[in-house]
PDB file of N, CA and C in Angstrom:
ATOM      1  N   MET A   1       3.322 -10.591 -28.124  1.00  0.00           N
ATOM      2  CA  MET A   1       2.301 -10.037 -27.269  1.00  0.00           C
ATOM      3  C   MET A   1       2.442  -8.516 -27.307  1.00  0.00           C
ATOM      4  N   PHE A   2       1.314  -7.817 -27.330  1.00  0.00           N
ATOM      5  CA  PHE A   2       1.336  -6.357 -27.283  1.00  0.00           C
ATOM      6  C   PHE A   2       1.561  -5.880 -25.853  1.00  0.00           C
ATOM      7  N   GLY A   3       2.145  -4.704 -25.722  1.00  0.00           N
ATOM      8  CA  GLY A   3       2.353  -4.088 -24.422  1.00  0.00           C
ATOM      9  C   GLY A   3       2.432  -2.584 -24.561  1.00  0.00           C
ATOM     10  N   ILE A   4       2.199  -1.894 -23.444  1.00  0.00           N
ATOM     11  CA  ILE A   4       2.284  -0.438 -23.400  1.00  0.00           C
ATOM     12  C   ILE A   4       3.446  -0.049 -22.492  1.00  0.00           C
ATOM     13  N   ALA A   5       4.301   0.845 -22.970  1.00  0.00           N
ATOM     14  CA  ALA A   5       5.411   1.332 -22.163  1.00  0.00           C
ATOM     15  C   ALA A   5       4.859   2.224 -21.061  1.00  0.00           C
ATOM     16  N   GLU A   6       5.069   1.819 -19.822  1.00  0.00           N
ATOM     17  CA  GLU A   6       4.492   2.524 -18.689  1.00  0.00           C
ATOM     18  C   GLU A   6       5.461   3.537 -18.082  1.00  0.00           C
ATOM     19  N   LYS A   7       6.708   3.111 -17.860  1.00  0.00           N
ATOM     20  CA  LYS A   7       7.673   3.986 -17.198  1.00  0.00           C
ATOM     21  C   LYS A   7       9.079   3.591 -17.609  1.00  0.00           C
ATOM     22  N   MET A   8       9.904   4.592 -17.913  1.00  0.00           N
ATOM     23  CA  MET A   8      11.305   4.340 -18.229  1.00  0.00           C
ATOM     24  C   MET A   8      12.086   4.215 -16.928  1.00  0.00           C
ATOM     25  N   LEU A   9      12.883   3.161 -16.814  1.00  0.00           N
ATOM     26  CA  LEU A   9      13.622   2.911 -15.586  1.00  0.00           C
ATOM     27  C   LEU A   9      15.105   3.245 -15.707  1.00  0.00           C
ATOM     28  N   GLY A  10      15.609   3.396 -16.915  1.00  0.00           N
ATOM     29  CA  GLY A  10      17.015   3.701 -17.118  1.00  0.00           C
ATOM     30  C   GLY A  10      17.841   2.436 -17.278  1.00  0.00           C
ATOM     31  N   GLY A  11      19.004   2.571 -17.885  1.00  0.00           N
ATOM     32  CA  GLY A  11      19.880   1.427 -18.075  1.00  0.00           C
ATOM     33  C   GLY A  11      19.333   0.394 -19.038  1.00  0.00           C
ATOM     34  N   GLY A  12      18.537   0.812 -20.019  1.00  0.00           N
ATOM     35  CA  GLY A  12      17.976  -0.126 -20.977  1.00  0.00           C
ATOM     36  C   GLY A  12      16.811  -0.924 -20.441  1.00  0.00           C
ATOM     37  N   ARG A  13      16.191  -0.438 -19.373  1.00  0.00           N
ATOM     38  CA  ARG A  13      15.051  -1.128 -18.760  1.00  0.00           C
ATOM     39  C   ARG A  13      13.803  -0.252 -18.855  1.00  0.00           C
ATOM     40  N   ILE A  14      12.659  -0.909 -18.897  1.00  0.00           N
ATOM     41  CA  ILE A  14      11.397  -0.206 -19.041  1.00  0.00           C
ATOM     42  C   ILE A  14      10.306  -1.019 -18.344  1.00  0.00           C
ATOM     43  N   LYS A  15       9.345  -0.346 -17.736  1.00  0.00           N
ATOM     44  CA  LYS A  15       8.187  -1.008 -17.127  1.00  0.00           C
ATOM     45  C   LYS A  15       7.100  -1.086 -18.184  1.00  0.00           C
ATOM     46  N   VAL A  16       6.606  -2.307 -18.444  1.00  0.00           N
ATOM     47  CA  VAL A  16       5.652  -2.563 -19.524  1.00  0.00           C
ATOM     48  C   VAL A  16       4.425  -3.257 -18.954  1.00  0.00           C
ATOM     49  N   VAL A  17       3.239  -2.832 -19.407  1.00  0.00           N
ATOM     50  CA  VAL A  17       1.996  -3.519 -19.071  1.00  0.00           C
ATOM     51  C   VAL A  17       1.567  -4.301 -20.307  1.00  0.00           C
ATOM     52  N   GLY A  18       1.478  -5.619 -20.168  1.00  0.00           N
ATOM     53  CA  GLY A  18       1.135  -6.487 -21.291  1.00  0.00           C
ATOM     54  C   GLY A  18      -0.362  -6.571 -21.501  1.00  0.00           C
ATOM     55  N   GLU A  19      -0.744  -7.206 -22.593  1.00  0.00           N
ATOM     56  CA  GLU A  19      -2.164  -7.342 -22.906  1.00  0.00           C
ATOM     57  C   GLU A  19      -2.877  -8.280 -21.946  1.00  0.00           C
ATOM     58  N   ASP A  20      -2.117  -9.072 -21.188  1.00  0.00           N
ATOM     59  CA  ASP A  20      -2.718  -9.940 -20.181  1.00  0.00           C
ATOM     60  C   ASP A  20      -2.917  -9.225 -18.845  1.00  0.00           C
ATOM     61  N   GLY A  21      -2.526  -7.947 -18.757  1.00  0.00           N
ATOM     62  CA  GLY A  21      -2.743  -7.144 -17.563  1.00  0.00           C
ATOM     63  C   GLY A  21      -1.586  -7.166 -16.580  1.00  0.00           C
ATOM     64  N   LYS A  22      -0.565  -7.974 -16.822  1.00  0.00           N
ATOM     65  CA  LYS A  22       0.571  -8.057 -15.918  1.00  0.00           C
ATOM     66  C   LYS A  22       1.568  -6.950 -16.212  1.00  0.00           C
ATOM     67  N   SER A  23       2.161  -6.435 -15.155  1.00  0.00           N
ATOM     68  CA  SER A  23       3.207  -5.427 -15.288  1.00  0.00           C
ATOM     69  C   SER A  23       4.549  -6.144 -15.229  1.00  0.00           C
ATOM     70  N   ARG A  24       5.384  -5.914 -16.228  1.00  0.00           N
ATOM     71  CA  ARG A  24       6.675  -6.586 -16.324  1.00  0.00           C
ATOM     72  C   ARG A  24       7.794  -5.567 -16.491  1.00  0.00           C
ATOM     73  N   MET A  25       9.000  -5.993 -16.122  1.00  0.00           N
ATOM     74  CA  MET A  25      10.167  -5.185 -16.397  1.00  0.00           C
ATOM     75  C   MET A  25      10.737  -5.653 -17.732  1.00  0.00           C
ATOM     76  N   GLY A  26      10.793  -4.750 -18.696  1.00  0.00           N
ATOM     77  CA  GLY A  26      11.273  -5.100 -20.023  1.00  0.00           C
ATOM     78  C   GLY A  26      12.711  -4.683 -20.230  1.00  0.00           C
ATOM     79  N   ARG A  27      13.413  -5.462 -21.021  1.00  0.00           N
ATOM     80  CA  ARG A  27      14.795  -5.174 -21.371  1.00  0.00           C
ATOM     81  C   ARG A  27      14.825  -4.725 -22.819  1.00  0.00           C
ATOM     82  N   ILE A  28      15.454  -3.569 -23.068  1.00  0.00           N
ATOM     83  CA  ILE A  28      15.584  -3.057 -24.429  1.00  0.00           C
ATOM     84  C   ILE A  28      16.951  -3.502 -24.957  1.00  0.00           C
ATOM     85  N   PRO A  29      16.992  -4.339 -25.986  1.00  0.00           N
ATOM     86  CA  PRO A  29      18.286  -4.783 -26.501  1.00  0.00           C
ATOM     87  C   PRO A  29      19.047  -3.641 -27.169  1.00  0.00           C
ATOM     88  N   GLY A  30      20.349  -3.795 -27.273  1.00  0.00           N
ATOM     89  CA  GLY A  30      21.211  -2.750 -27.809  1.00  0.00           C
ATOM     90  C   GLY A  30      20.891  -2.353 -29.235  1.00  0.00           C
ATOM     91  N   LYS A  31      20.511  -3.318 -30.079  1.00  0.00           N
ATOM     92  CA  LYS A  31      20.210  -2.991 -31.476  1.00  0.00           C
ATOM     93  C   LYS A  31      18.962  -2.127 -31.587  1.00  0.00           C
ATOM     94  N   LEU A  32      18.045  -2.248 -30.633  1.00  0.00           N
ATOM     95  CA  LEU A  32      16.825  -1.449 -30.639  1.00  0.00           C
ATOM     96  C   LEU A  32      17.039  -0.110 -29.934  1.00  0.00           C
ATOM     97  N   LYS A  33      17.937  -0.085 -28.977  1.00  0.00           N
ATOM     98  CA  LYS A  33      18.198   1.115 -28.192  1.00  0.00           C
ATOM     99  C   LYS A  33      18.729   2.254 -29.061  1.00  0.00           C
ATOM    100  N   LYS A  34      19.591   1.937 -30.005  1.00  0.00           N
ATOM    101  CA  LYS A  34      20.224   2.958 -30.837  1.00  0.00           C
ATOM    102  C   LYS A  34      19.367   3.367 -32.033  1.00  0.00           C
ATOM    103  N   ARG A  35      18.554   2.447 -32.561  1.00  0.00           N
ATOM    104  CA  ARG A  35      17.800   2.729 -33.776  1.00  0.00           C
ATOM    105  C   ARG A  35      16.459   3.391 -33.520  1.00  0.00           C
ATOM    106  N   MET A  36      15.832   3.080 -32.417  1.00  0.00           N
ATOM    107  CA  MET A  36      14.457   3.473 -32.207  1.00  0.00           C
ATOM    108  C   MET A  36      14.277   3.920 -30.764  1.00  0.00           C
ATOM    109  N   TRP A  37      13.870   5.148 -30.559  1.00  0.00           N
ATOM    110  CA  TRP A  37      13.693   5.688 -29.215  1.00  0.00           C
ATOM    111  C   TRP A  37      12.314   5.307 -28.698  1.00  0.00           C
ATOM    112  N   ILE A  38      12.275   4.779 -27.492  1.00  0.00           N
ATOM    113  CA  ILE A  38      11.016   4.355 -26.880  1.00  0.00           C
ATOM    114  C   ILE A  38      10.636   5.368 -25.813  1.00  0.00           C
ATOM    115  N   ARG A  39       9.378   5.813 -25.875  1.00  0.00           N
ATOM    116  CA  ARG A  39       8.849   6.767 -24.903  1.00  0.00           C
ATOM    117  C   ARG A  39       7.696   6.116 -24.155  1.00  0.00           C
ATOM    118  N   GLU A  40       7.259   6.775 -23.090  1.00  0.00           N
ATOM    119  CA  GLU A  40       6.117   6.267 -22.341  1.00  0.00           C
ATOM    120  C   GLU A  40       4.867   6.319 -23.211  1.00  0.00           C
ATOM    121  N   ASN A  41       3.958   5.382 -23.006  1.00  0.00           N
ATOM    122  CA  ASN A  41       2.697   5.215 -23.731  1.00  0.00           C
ATOM    123  C   ASN A  41       2.887   4.792 -25.186  1.00  0.00           C
ATOM    124  N   ASP A  42       4.026   4.222 -25.531  1.00  0.00           N
ATOM    125  CA  ASP A  42       4.226   3.660 -26.863  1.00  0.00           C
ATOM    126  C   ASP A  42       3.700   2.226 -26.890  1.00  0.00           C
ATOM    127  N   LEU A  43       3.220   1.800 -28.053  1.00  0.00           N
ATOM    128  CA  LEU A  43       2.776   0.422 -28.240  1.00  0.00           C
ATOM    129  C   LEU A  43       3.978  -0.417 -28.644  1.00  0.00           C
ATOM    130  N   LEU A  44       4.193  -1.514 -27.923  1.00  0.00           N
ATOM    131  CA  LEU A  44       5.357  -2.360 -28.133  1.00  0.00           C
ATOM    132  C   LEU A  44       4.936  -3.798 -28.395  1.00  0.00           C
ATOM    133  N   ILE A  45       5.836  -4.552 -29.007  1.00  0.00           N
ATOM    134  CA  ILE A  45       5.717  -6.000 -29.044  1.00  0.00           C
ATOM    135  C   ILE A  45       6.717  -6.523 -28.033  1.00  0.00           C
ATOM    136  N   ILE A  46       6.229  -7.332 -27.087  1.00  0.00           N
ATOM    137  CA  ILE A  46       7.103  -7.872 -26.051  1.00  0.00           C
ATOM    138  C   ILE A  46       7.081  -9.392 -26.114  1.00  0.00           C
ATOM    139  N   ASN A  47       8.154  -9.975 -25.603  1.00  0.00           N
ATOM    140  CA  ASN A  47       8.284 -11.428 -25.547  1.00  0.00           C
ATOM    141  C   ASN A  47       8.584 -11.799 -24.099  1.00  0.00           C
ATOM    142  N   PRO A  48       7.590 -12.294 -23.327  1.00  0.00           N
ATOM    143  CA  PRO A  48       7.845 -12.668 -21.931  1.00  0.00           C
ATOM    144  C   PRO A  48       8.867 -13.802 -21.831  1.00  0.00           C
ATOM    145  N   TRP A  49       9.681 -13.734 -20.792  1.00  0.00           N
ATOM    146  CA  TRP A  49      10.678 -14.773 -20.581  1.00  0.00           C
ATOM    147  C   TRP A  49       9.997 -16.047 -20.113  1.00  0.00           C
ATOM    148  N   ASP A  50      10.537 -17.180 -20.493  1.00  0.00           N
ATOM    149  CA  ASP A  50       9.974 -18.472 -20.102  1.00  0.00           C
ATOM    150  C   ASP A  50      10.234 -18.787 -18.627  1.00  0.00           C
ATOM    151  N   PHE A  51      11.402 -18.401 -18.128  1.00  0.00           N
ATOM    152  CA  PHE A  51      11.798 -18.802 -16.786  1.00  0.00           C
ATOM    153  C   PHE A  51      11.500 -17.743 -15.727  1.00  0.00           C
ATOM    154  N   GLN A  52      11.231 -16.494 -16.110  1.00  0.00           N
ATOM    155  CA  GLN A  52      10.830 -15.439 -15.178  1.00  0.00           C
ATOM    156  C   GLN A  52       9.680 -14.683 -15.830  1.00  0.00           C
ATOM    157  N   ASP A  53       8.472 -14.904 -15.330  1.00  0.00           N
ATOM    158  CA  ASP A  53       7.300 -14.313 -15.967  1.00  0.00           C
ATOM    159  C   ASP A  53       7.194 -12.812 -15.718  1.00  0.00           C
ATOM    160  N   GLU A  54       7.905 -12.278 -14.725  1.00  0.00           N
ATOM    161  CA  GLU A  54       7.819 -10.853 -14.436  1.00  0.00           C
ATOM    162  C   GLU A  54       8.800 -10.019 -15.268  1.00  0.00           C
ATOM    163  N   LYS A  55       9.503 -10.659 -16.207  1.00  0.00           N
ATOM    164  CA  LYS A  55      10.428  -9.948 -17.087  1.00  0.00           C
ATOM    165  C   LYS A  55      10.115 -10.283 -18.534  1.00  0.00           C
ATOM    166  N   CYS A  56      10.515  -9.359 -19.429  1.00  0.00           N
ATOM    167  CA  CYS A  56      10.245  -9.575 -20.851  1.00  0.00           C
ATOM    168  C   CYS A  56      11.311  -8.890 -21.688  1.00  0.00           C
ATOM    169  N   GLU A  57      11.293  -9.203 -22.958  1.00  0.00           N
ATOM    170  CA  GLU A  57      12.198  -8.625 -23.944  1.00  0.00           C
ATOM    171  C   GLU A  57      11.370  -7.741 -24.880  1.00  0.00           C
ATOM    172  N   VAL A  58      11.823  -6.520 -25.140  1.00  0.00           N
ATOM    173  CA  VAL A  58      11.128  -5.639 -26.073  1.00  0.00           C
ATOM    174  C   VAL A  58      11.616  -5.984 -27.474  1.00  0.00           C
ATOM    175  N   GLU A  59      10.673  -6.318 -28.361  1.00  0.00           N
ATOM    176  CA  GLU A  59      11.025  -6.732 -29.718  1.00  0.00           C
ATOM    177  C   GLU A  59      10.878  -5.600 -30.737  1.00  0.00           C
ATOM    178  N   TYR A  60       9.837  -4.760 -30.578  1.00  0.00           N
ATOM    179  CA  TYR A  60       9.549  -3.749 -31.600  1.00  0.00           C
ATOM    180  C   TYR A  60       8.695  -2.636 -30.989  1.00  0.00           C
ATOM    181  N   ARG A  61       8.829  -1.422 -31.527  1.00  0.00           N
ATOM    182  CA  ARG A  61       7.984  -0.288 -31.141  1.00  0.00           C
ATOM    183  C   ARG A  61       7.226   0.182 -32.368  1.00  0.00           C
ATOM    184  N   TYR A  62       5.917   0.335 -32.222  1.00  0.00           N
ATOM    185  CA  TYR A  62       5.081   0.828 -33.322  1.00  0.00           C
ATOM    186  C   TYR A  62       5.093   2.353 -33.341  1.00  0.00           C
ATOM    187  N   THR A  63       5.099   2.931 -34.548  1.00  0.00           N
ATOM    188  CA  THR A  63       4.988   4.377 -34.701  1.00  0.00           C
ATOM    189  C   THR A  63       3.522   4.783 -34.571  1.00  0.00           C
ATOM    190  N   ARG A  64       3.259   6.067 -34.476  1.00  0.00           N
ATOM    191  CA  ARG A  64       1.875   6.549 -34.353  1.00  0.00           C
ATOM    192  C   ARG A  64       1.033   6.190 -35.579  1.00  0.00           C
ATOM    193  N   THR A  65       1.636   6.239 -36.765  1.00  0.00           N
ATOM    194  CA  THR A  65       0.919   5.884 -37.990  1.00  0.00           C
ATOM    195  C   THR A  65       0.547   4.400 -37.980  1.00  0.00           C
ATOM    196  N   GLN A  66       1.467   3.568 -37.556  1.00  0.00           N
ATOM    197  CA  GLN A  66       1.195   2.133 -37.484  1.00  0.00           C
ATOM    198  C   GLN A  66       0.126   1.824 -36.445  1.00  0.00           C
ATOM    199  N   VAL A  67       0.127   2.550 -35.331  1.00  0.00           N
ATOM    200  CA  VAL A  67      -0.878   2.345 -34.283  1.00  0.00           C
ATOM    201  C   VAL A  67      -2.262   2.718 -34.801  1.00  0.00           C
ATOM    202  N   SER A  68      -2.368   3.818 -35.539  1.00  0.00           N
ATOM    203  CA  SER A  68      -3.678   4.204 -36.072  1.00  0.00           C
ATOM    204  C   SER A  68      -4.177   3.187 -37.098  1.00  0.00           C
ATOM    205  N   TYR A  69      -3.272   2.599 -37.871  1.00  0.00           N
ATOM    206  CA  TYR A  69      -3.654   1.561 -38.822  1.00  0.00           C
ATOM    207  C   TYR A  69      -4.152   0.311 -38.088  1.00  0.00           C
ATOM    208  N   LEU A  70      -3.429  -0.104 -37.036  1.00  0.00           N
ATOM    209  CA  LEU A  70      -3.855  -1.269 -36.258  1.00  0.00           C
ATOM    210  C   LEU A  70      -5.188  -1.024 -35.565  1.00  0.00           C
ATOM    211  N   LYS A  71      -5.407   0.204 -35.119  1.00  0.00           N
ATOM    212  CA  LYS A  71      -6.664   0.543 -34.455  1.00  0.00           C
ATOM    213  C   LYS A  71      -7.834   0.472 -35.437  1.00  0.00           C
ATOM    214  N   ARG A  72      -7.636   0.954 -36.657  1.00  0.00           N
ATOM    215  CA  ARG A  72      -8.686   0.885 -37.673  1.00  0.00           C
ATOM    216  C   ARG A  72      -9.048  -0.553 -38.033  1.00  0.00           C
ATOM    217  N   ARG A  73      -8.060  -1.443 -37.999  1.00  0.00           N
ATOM    218  CA  ARG A  73      -8.302  -2.853 -38.315  1.00  0.00           C
ATOM    219  C   ARG A  73      -8.748  -3.656 -37.098  1.00  0.00           C
ATOM    220  N   ASN A  74      -8.846  -3.033 -35.923  1.00  0.00           N
ATOM    221  CA  ASN A  74      -9.231  -3.684 -34.662  1.00  0.00           C
ATOM    222  C   ASN A  74      -8.281  -4.820 -34.291  1.00  0.00           C
ATOM    223  N   ASP A  75      -6.991  -4.614 -34.491  1.00  0.00           N
ATOM    224  CA  ASP A  75      -5.987  -5.609 -34.136  1.00  0.00           C
ATOM    225  C   ASP A  75      -5.450  -5.415 -32.728  1.00  0.00           C
ATOM    226  N   ILE A  76      -5.670  -4.244 -32.141  1.00  0.00           N
ATOM    227  CA  ILE A  76      -5.190  -3.969 -30.781  1.00  0.00           C
ATOM    228  C   ILE A  76      -6.214  -4.522 -29.794  1.00  0.00           C
ATOM    229  N   PRO A  77      -5.799  -5.327 -28.813  1.00  0.00           N
ATOM    230  CA  PRO A  77      -6.748  -5.863 -27.841  1.00  0.00           C
ATOM    231  C   PRO A  77      -7.398  -4.758 -27.002  1.00  0.00           C
ATOM    232  N   LYS A  78      -8.610  -4.984 -26.577  1.00  0.00           N
ATOM    233  CA  LYS A  78      -9.352  -3.985 -25.803  1.00  0.00           C
ATOM    234  C   LYS A  78      -8.696  -3.695 -24.455  1.00  0.00           C
ATOM    235  N   SER A  79      -7.939  -4.650 -23.908  1.00  0.00           N
ATOM    236  CA  SER A  79      -7.340  -4.467 -22.596  1.00  0.00           C
ATOM    237  C   SER A  79      -6.255  -3.396 -22.580  1.00  0.00           C
ATOM    238  N   ILE A  80      -5.625  -3.126 -23.720  1.00  0.00           N
ATOM    239  CA  ILE A  80      -4.561  -2.112 -23.750  1.00  0.00           C
ATOM    240  C   ILE A  80      -4.866  -0.990 -24.734  1.00  0.00           C
ATOM    241  N   ASP A  81      -6.089  -0.874 -25.202  1.00  0.00           N
ATOM    242  CA  ASP A  81      -6.446   0.142 -26.193  1.00  0.00           C
ATOM    243  C   ASP A  81      -6.594   1.499 -25.519  1.00  0.00           C
ATOM    244  N   ILE A  82      -5.481   2.262 -25.450  1.00  0.00           N
ATOM    245  CA  ILE A  82      -5.513   3.600 -24.861  1.00  0.00           C
ATOM    246  C   ILE A  82      -5.382   4.660 -25.946  1.00  0.00           C
ATOM    247  N   PHE A  83      -5.371   4.239 -27.205  1.00  0.00           N
ATOM    248  CA  PHE A  83      -5.147   5.162 -28.303  1.00  0.00           C
ATOM    249  C   PHE A  83      -6.454   5.588 -28.836  1.00  0.00           C
TER     250      PHE A  83
END
């Protein structure tokens, strides 16, 4: 699921708004924390938790070049298209 990074909370946590309109607290795993810096208003791939719908796992962050490519192909849902 696509999501937009809304606010950095610290401690590997981030507030994310998903394509379904829900605001979730996302967890940034350690392997992603060191390799790729996440900033506010970045496009992310998130995986909502099965047992707690208000939390999610951040899987990937798209770069600006990748976002422009997805926008040209109309792959970004209209609900989160802020680019």
